[in-house]
PDB file of N, CA and C in Angstrom:
ATOM      1  N   UNK A   1     -22.241 -17.943  43.325  1.00  0.00           N
ATOM      2  CA  UNK A   1     -22.520 -19.018  44.109  1.00  0.00           C
ATOM      3  C   UNK A   1     -23.885 -18.895  44.656  1.00  0.00           C
ATOM      4  N   UNK A   2     -24.598 -19.986  44.583  1.00  0.00           N
ATOM      5  CA  UNK A   2     -26.118 -19.828  45.338  1.00  0.00           C
ATOM      6  C   UNK A   2     -26.061 -20.849  46.448  1.00  0.00           C
ATOM      7  N   UNK A   3     -27.114 -20.712  47.228  1.00  0.00           N
ATOM      8  CA  UNK A   3     -27.128 -21.416  48.375  1.00  0.00           C
ATOM      9  C   UNK A   3     -27.355 -22.926  48.087  1.00  0.00           C
ATOM     10  N   UNK A   4     -27.822 -23.285  47.022  1.00  0.00           N
ATOM     11  CA  UNK A   4     -28.163 -24.755  46.486  1.00  0.00           C
ATOM     12  C   UNK A   4     -26.516 -25.197  46.290  1.00  0.00           C
ATOM     13  N   UNK A   5     -25.945 -24.613  45.860  1.00  0.00           N
ATOM     14  CA  UNK A   5     -24.272 -25.113  45.275  1.00  0.00           C
ATOM     15  C   UNK A   5     -23.445 -25.237  46.744  1.00  0.00           C
ATOM     16  N   UNK A   6     -23.823 -24.075  47.674  1.00  0.00           N
ATOM     17  CA  UNK A   6     -23.144 -24.102  48.713  1.00  0.00           C
ATOM     18  C   UNK A   6     -23.502 -25.551  49.828  1.00  0.00           C
ATOM     19  N   UNK A   7     -24.923 -25.585  49.967  1.00  0.00           N
ATOM     20  CA  UNK A   7     -25.479 -26.840  50.362  1.00  0.00           C
ATOM     21  C   UNK A   7     -25.065 -28.276  49.982  1.00  0.00           C
ATOM     22  N   UNK A   8     -24.795 -28.384  48.858  1.00  0.00           N
ATOM     23  CA  UNK A   8     -24.416 -29.616  48.027  1.00  0.00           C
ATOM     24  C   UNK A   8     -22.801 -29.673  48.022  1.00  0.00           C
ATOM     25  N   UNK A   9     -22.275 -28.700  48.126  1.00  0.00           N
ATOM     26  CA  UNK A   9     -20.903 -28.810  48.328  1.00  0.00           C
ATOM     27  C   UNK A   9     -20.169 -29.186  49.679  1.00  0.00           C
ATOM     28  N   UNK A  10     -21.128 -28.668  50.476  1.00  0.00           N
ATOM     29  CA  UNK A  10     -21.023 -29.131  51.944  1.00  0.00           C
ATOM     30  C   UNK A  10     -21.469 -30.396  52.365  1.00  0.00           C
ATOM     31  N   UNK A  11     -22.385 -30.948  51.665  1.00  0.00           N
ATOM     32  CA  UNK A  11     -23.043 -32.098  51.771  1.00  0.00           C
ATOM     33  C   UNK A  11     -22.005 -33.210  51.161  1.00  0.00           C
ATOM     34  N   UNK A  12     -21.644 -33.231  49.826  1.00  0.00           N
ATOM     35  CA  UNK A  12     -20.795 -34.187  49.079  1.00  0.00           C
ATOM     36  C   UNK A  12     -19.518 -34.025  49.756  1.00  0.00           C
ATOM     37  N   UNK A  13     -18.862 -32.972  50.633  1.00  0.00           N
ATOM     38  CA  UNK A  13     -17.792 -33.098  51.152  1.00  0.00           C
ATOM     39  C   UNK A  13     -17.724 -34.011  52.517  1.00  0.00           C
ATOM     40  N   UNK A  14     -18.888 -33.813  52.945  1.00  0.00           N
ATOM     41  CA  UNK A  14     -19.059 -34.664  54.508  1.00  0.00           C
ATOM     42  C   UNK A  14     -19.280 -35.862  53.868  1.00  0.00           C
ATOM     43  N   UNK A  15     -19.884 -36.302  52.906  1.00  0.00           N
ATOM     44  CA  UNK A  15     -19.966 -37.794  52.768  1.00  0.00           C
ATOM     45  C   UNK A  15     -18.660 -38.311  52.098  1.00  0.00           C
ATOM     46  N   UNK A  16     -17.958 -37.478  51.548  1.00  0.00           N
ATOM     47  CA  UNK A  16     -16.572 -37.875  50.907  1.00  0.00           C
ATOM     48  C   UNK A  16     -15.657 -38.037  52.161  1.00  0.00           C
ATOM     49  N   UNK A  17     -15.563 -37.424  53.445  1.00  0.00           N
ATOM     50  CA  UNK A  17     -14.950 -37.480  54.614  1.00  0.00           C
ATOM     51  C   UNK A  17     -15.571 -38.642  55.093  1.00  0.00           C
ATOM     52  N   UNK A  18     -16.403 -38.933  55.093  1.00  0.00           N
ATOM     53  CA  UNK A  18     -16.856 -40.285  55.797  1.00  0.00           C
ATOM     54  C   UNK A  18     -16.514 -41.611  55.087  1.00  0.00           C
ATOM     55  N   UNK A  19     -16.462 -41.381  53.683  1.00  0.00           N
ATOM     56  CA  UNK A  19     -16.054 -42.501  52.940  1.00  0.00           C
ATOM     57  C   UNK A  19     -14.400 -42.730  53.087  1.00  0.00           C
ATOM     58  N   UNK A  20     -13.707 -41.459  53.158  1.00  0.00           N
ATOM     59  CA  UNK A  20     -12.496 -41.387  53.350  1.00  0.00           C
ATOM     60  C   UNK A  20     -11.977 -42.112  54.562  1.00  0.00           C
ATOM     61  N   UNK A  21     -12.576 -41.848  55.813  1.00  0.00           N
ATOM     62  CA  UNK A  21     -12.159 -42.327  57.066  1.00  0.00           C
ATOM     63  C   UNK A  21     -12.505 -43.839  57.190  1.00  0.00           C
ATOM     64  N   UNK A  22     -13.962 -44.173  56.543  1.00  0.00           N
ATOM     65  CA  UNK A  22     -14.110 -45.509  56.252  1.00  0.00           C
ATOM     66  C   UNK A  22     -13.290 -46.396  55.590  1.00  0.00           C
ATOM     67  N   UNK A  23     -12.686 -46.045  54.416  1.00  0.00           N
ATOM     68  CA  UNK A  23     -11.834 -46.679  53.419  1.00  0.00           C
ATOM     69  C   UNK A  23     -10.433 -46.618  54.358  1.00  0.00           C
ATOM     70  N   UNK A  24     -10.052 -45.751  55.011  1.00  0.00           N
ATOM     71  CA  UNK A  24      -8.738 -45.599  55.689  1.00  0.00           C
ATOM     72  C   UNK A  24      -8.889 -46.895  56.976  1.00  0.00           C
ATOM     73  N   UNK A  25      -9.798 -46.873  57.543  1.00  0.00           N
ATOM     74  CA  UNK A  25      -9.992 -47.731  58.604  1.00  0.00           C
ATOM     75  C   UNK A  25     -10.124 -49.197  58.405  1.00  0.00           C
ATOM     76  N   UNK A  26     -10.787 -49.674  57.088  1.00  0.00           N
ATOM     77  CA  UNK A  26     -11.026 -50.816  56.584  1.00  0.00           C
ATOM     78  C   UNK A  26     -10.111 -51.236  55.664  1.00  0.00           C
ATOM     79  N   UNK A  27      -9.048 -50.508  55.229  1.00  0.00           N
ATOM     80  CA  UNK A  27      -8.087 -50.784  54.095  1.00  0.00           C
ATOM     81  C   UNK A  27      -8.693 -51.027  52.654  1.00  0.00           C
ATOM     82  N   UNK A  28      -9.782 -49.956  52.403  1.00  0.00           N
ATOM     83  CA  UNK A  28     -10.093 -50.318  50.943  1.00  0.00           C
ATOM     84  C   UNK A  28      -9.799 -49.006  50.318  1.00  0.00           C
ATOM     85  N   UNK A  29      -9.007 -49.065  49.330  1.00  0.00           N
ATOM     86  CA  UNK A  29      -8.518 -48.144  48.416  1.00  0.00           C
ATOM     87  C   UNK A  29      -9.589 -47.386  47.565  1.00  0.00           C
ATOM     88  N   UNK A  30     -10.622 -48.165  47.065  1.00  0.00           N
ATOM     89  CA  UNK A  30     -11.532 -47.646  46.318  1.00  0.00           C
ATOM     90  C   UNK A  30     -12.358 -46.703  47.157  1.00  0.00           C
ATOM     91  N   UNK A  31     -12.779 -46.774  48.253  1.00  0.00           N
ATOM     92  CA  UNK A  31     -13.626 -46.020  49.412  1.00  0.00           C
ATOM     93  C   UNK A  31     -12.706 -44.491  49.662  1.00  0.00           C
ATOM     94  N   UNK A  32     -11.425 -44.828  49.760  1.00  0.00           N
ATOM     95  CA  UNK A  32     -10.342 -43.416  50.023  1.00  0.00           C
ATOM     96  C   UNK A  32     -10.279 -42.713  49.055  1.00  0.00           C
ATOM     97  N   UNK A  33     -10.323 -43.571  47.787  1.00  0.00           N
ATOM     98  CA  UNK A  33     -10.147 -42.607  46.493  1.00  0.00           C
ATOM     99  C   UNK A  33     -11.465 -41.958  46.239  1.00  0.00           C
ATOM    100  N   UNK A  34     -12.915 -42.322  46.198  1.00  0.00           N
ATOM    101  CA  UNK A  34     -13.862 -41.922  45.919  1.00  0.00           C
ATOM    102  C   UNK A  34     -14.051 -40.900  47.022  1.00  0.00           C
ATOM    103  N   UNK A  35     -13.766 -41.120  48.312  1.00  0.00           N
ATOM    104  CA  UNK A  35     -14.175 -39.990  49.281  1.00  0.00           C
ATOM    105  C   UNK A  35     -13.159 -38.722  48.995  1.00  0.00           C
ATOM    106  N   UNK A  36     -11.893 -38.739  48.636  1.00  0.00           N
ATOM    107  CA  UNK A  36     -11.091 -37.736  48.213  1.00  0.00           C
ATOM    108  C   UNK A  36     -11.794 -37.026  47.197  1.00  0.00           C
ATOM    109  N   UNK A  37     -12.004 -37.620  46.155  1.00  0.00           N
ATOM    110  CA  UNK A  37     -12.858 -37.026  44.748  1.00  0.00           C
ATOM    111  C   UNK A  37     -14.077 -36.299  45.237  1.00  0.00           C
ATOM    112  N   UNK A  38     -14.973 -37.088  46.106  1.00  0.00           N
ATOM    113  CA  UNK A  38     -16.037 -36.142  46.627  1.00  0.00           C
ATOM    114  C   UNK A  38     -15.655 -35.138  47.293  1.00  0.00           C
ATOM    115  N   UNK A  39     -14.746 -34.862  48.058  1.00  0.00           N
ATOM    116  CA  UNK A  39     -14.396 -33.920  49.015  1.00  0.00           C
ATOM    117  C   UNK A  39     -13.876 -32.868  47.697  1.00  0.00           C
ATOM    118  N   UNK A  40     -13.331 -33.026  46.708  1.00  0.00           N
ATOM    119  CA  UNK A  40     -12.614 -31.971  46.010  1.00  0.00           C
ATOM    120  C   UNK A  40     -13.235 -31.654  44.798  1.00  0.00           C
ATOM    121  N   UNK A  41     -14.331 -32.610  44.097  1.00  0.00           N
ATOM    122  CA  UNK A  41     -14.835 -32.204  42.872  1.00  0.00           C
ATOM    123  C   UNK A  41     -15.737 -30.933  42.752  1.00  0.00           C
ATOM    124  N   UNK A  42     -16.372 -30.324  44.084  1.00  0.00           N
ATOM    125  CA  UNK A  42     -17.258 -29.531  43.907  1.00  0.00           C
ATOM    126  C   UNK A  42     -16.323 -28.302  43.772  1.00  0.00           C
ATOM    127  N   UNK A  43     -15.047 -28.198  43.940  1.00  0.00           N
ATOM    128  CA  UNK A  43     -14.423 -26.859  43.551  1.00  0.00           C
ATOM    129  C   UNK A  43     -14.294 -26.735  42.049  1.00  0.00           C
ATOM    130  N   UNK A  44     -14.486 -27.611  41.291  1.00  0.00           N
ATOM    131  CA  UNK A  44     -14.361 -27.651  39.633  1.00  0.00           C
ATOM    132  C   UNK A  44     -15.823 -27.629  38.997  1.00  0.00           C
ATOM    133  N   UNK A  45     -16.826 -27.634  39.714  1.00  0.00           N
ATOM    134  CA  UNK A  45     -18.197 -27.676  39.184  1.00  0.00           C
ATOM    135  C   UNK A  45     -18.997 -26.543  39.493  1.00  0.00           C
ATOM    136  N   UNK A  46     -19.528 -25.909  38.520  1.00  0.00           N
ATOM    137  CA  UNK A  46     -20.339 -24.603  38.932  1.00  0.00           C
ATOM    138  C   UNK A  46     -21.938 -25.021  38.854  1.00  0.00           C
ATOM    139  N   UNK A  47     -22.149 -26.109  38.041  1.00  0.00           N
ATOM    140  CA  UNK A  47     -23.742 -26.382  37.914  1.00  0.00           C
ATOM    141  C   UNK A  47     -24.360 -27.483  39.025  1.00  0.00           C
ATOM    142  N   UNK A  48     -25.131 -27.019  39.672  1.00  0.00           N
ATOM    143  CA  UNK A  48     -26.077 -27.786  40.530  1.00  0.00           C
ATOM    144  C   UNK A  48     -26.517 -29.023  40.088  1.00  0.00           C
ATOM    145  N   UNK A  49     -26.840 -29.212  38.860  1.00  0.00           N
ATOM    146  CA  UNK A  49     -27.417 -30.641  38.268  1.00  0.00           C
ATOM    147  C   UNK A  49     -26.030 -31.314  38.005  1.00  0.00           C
ATOM    148  N   UNK A  50     -24.833 -30.922  37.521  1.00  0.00           N
ATOM    149  CA  UNK A  50     -23.820 -31.907  37.288  1.00  0.00           C
ATOM    150  C   UNK A  50     -23.332 -32.082  38.690  1.00  0.00           C
ATOM    151  N   UNK A  51     -23.278 -31.101  39.707  1.00  0.00           N
ATOM    152  CA  UNK A  51     -22.789 -31.665  41.144  1.00  0.00           C
ATOM    153  C   UNK A  51     -23.506 -32.807  41.538  1.00  0.00           C
ATOM    154  N   UNK A  52     -24.640 -32.641  41.350  1.00  0.00           N
ATOM    155  CA  UNK A  52     -25.655 -33.695  42.149  1.00  0.00           C
ATOM    156  C   UNK A  52     -25.469 -35.218  41.209  1.00  0.00           C
ATOM    157  N   UNK A  53     -25.454 -34.970  39.832  1.00  0.00           N
ATOM    158  CA  UNK A  53     -25.247 -36.212  39.092  1.00  0.00           C
ATOM    159  C   UNK A  53     -23.672 -36.777  39.470  1.00  0.00           C
ATOM    160  N   UNK A  54     -22.511 -35.995  39.516  1.00  0.00           N
ATOM    161  CA  UNK A  54     -21.262 -36.554  39.837  1.00  0.00           C
ATOM    162  C   UNK A  54     -21.460 -37.003  41.341  1.00  0.00           C
ATOM    163  N   UNK A  55     -21.731 -36.515  42.229  1.00  0.00           N
ATOM    164  CA  UNK A  55     -22.003 -36.941  43.530  1.00  0.00           C
ATOM    165  C   UNK A  55     -22.449 -38.207  43.790  1.00  0.00           C
ATOM    166  N   UNK A  56     -23.478 -38.278  43.196  1.00  0.00           N
ATOM    167  CA  UNK A  56     -24.312 -39.516  43.098  1.00  0.00           C
ATOM    168  C   UNK A  56     -23.286 -40.691  42.784  1.00  0.00           C
ATOM    169  N   UNK A  57     -22.725 -40.654  41.540  1.00  0.00           N
ATOM    170  CA  UNK A  57     -21.840 -41.482  40.919  1.00  0.00           C
ATOM    171  C   UNK A  57     -21.093 -41.830  41.513  1.00  0.00           C
ATOM    172  N   UNK A  58     -20.238 -40.784  42.115  1.00  0.00           N
ATOM    173  CA  UNK A  58     -19.131 -40.935  42.874  1.00  0.00           C
ATOM    174  C   UNK A  58     -19.457 -41.897  44.302  1.00  0.00           C
ATOM    175  N   UNK A  59     -20.519 -41.533  44.935  1.00  0.00           N
ATOM    176  CA  UNK A  59     -20.569 -42.169  46.063  1.00  0.00           C
ATOM    177  C   UNK A  59     -21.354 -43.532  45.888  1.00  0.00           C
ATOM    178  N   UNK A  60     -21.715 -44.006  44.578  1.00  0.00           N
ATOM    179  CA  UNK A  60     -22.205 -45.236  44.387  1.00  0.00           C
ATOM    180  C   UNK A  60     -21.020 -46.433  43.882  1.00  0.00           C
ATOM    181  N   UNK A  61     -20.130 -45.862  43.317  1.00  0.00           N
ATOM    182  CA  UNK A  61     -18.904 -46.369  42.948  1.00  0.00           C
ATOM    183  C   UNK A  61     -18.468 -47.565  44.063  1.00  0.00           C
ATOM    184  N   UNK A  62     -18.078 -47.211  45.186  1.00  0.00           N
ATOM    185  CA  UNK A  62     -17.569 -48.053  46.315  1.00  0.00           C
ATOM    186  C   UNK A  62     -18.668 -49.199  46.422  1.00  0.00           C
ATOM    187  N   UNK A  63     -19.827 -49.006  46.236  1.00  0.00           N
ATOM    188  CA  UNK A  63     -20.921 -50.072  46.584  1.00  0.00           C
ATOM    189  C   UNK A  63     -20.917 -50.946  45.345  1.00  0.00           C
ATOM    190  N   UNK A  64     -20.697 -50.518  44.189  1.00  0.00           N
ATOM    191  CA  UNK A  64     -20.660 -51.275  42.952  1.00  0.00           C
ATOM    192  C   UNK A  64     -19.578 -52.197  43.057  1.00  0.00           C
ATOM    193  N   UNK A  65     -18.456 -51.583  43.166  1.00  0.00           N
ATOM    194  CA  UNK A  65     -16.979 -52.346  42.911  1.00  0.00           C
ATOM    195  C   UNK A  65     -16.426 -52.332  44.336  1.00  0.00           C
ATOM    196  N   UNK A  66     -16.556 -53.440  44.925  1.00  0.00           N
ATOM    197  CA  UNK A  66     -15.969 -53.576  46.298  1.00  0.00           C
ATOM    198  C   UNK A  66     -14.829 -54.159  46.291  1.00  0.00           C
ATOM    199  N   UNK A  67     -13.778 -53.147  46.473  1.00  0.00           N
ATOM    200  CA  UNK A  67     -12.110 -53.608  46.083  1.00  0.00           C
ATOM    201  C   UNK A  67     -11.504 -53.381  47.427  1.00  0.00           C
TER     202      UNK A  67
END
């Protein structure tokens, strides 16, 4: 575990928590699902590059498909 991984994990978890709270207040299931995914996925990814790519994709999904 390096500092970059730790920082990215903290960053994506914070973004995920924000998406989850937003989705819960607005009643948007897609934002809640992406929020939980952003909070959890960093436990399973070891590569910094893949963590960045997956985090960006998961954070853009609610803006692309507004359900």
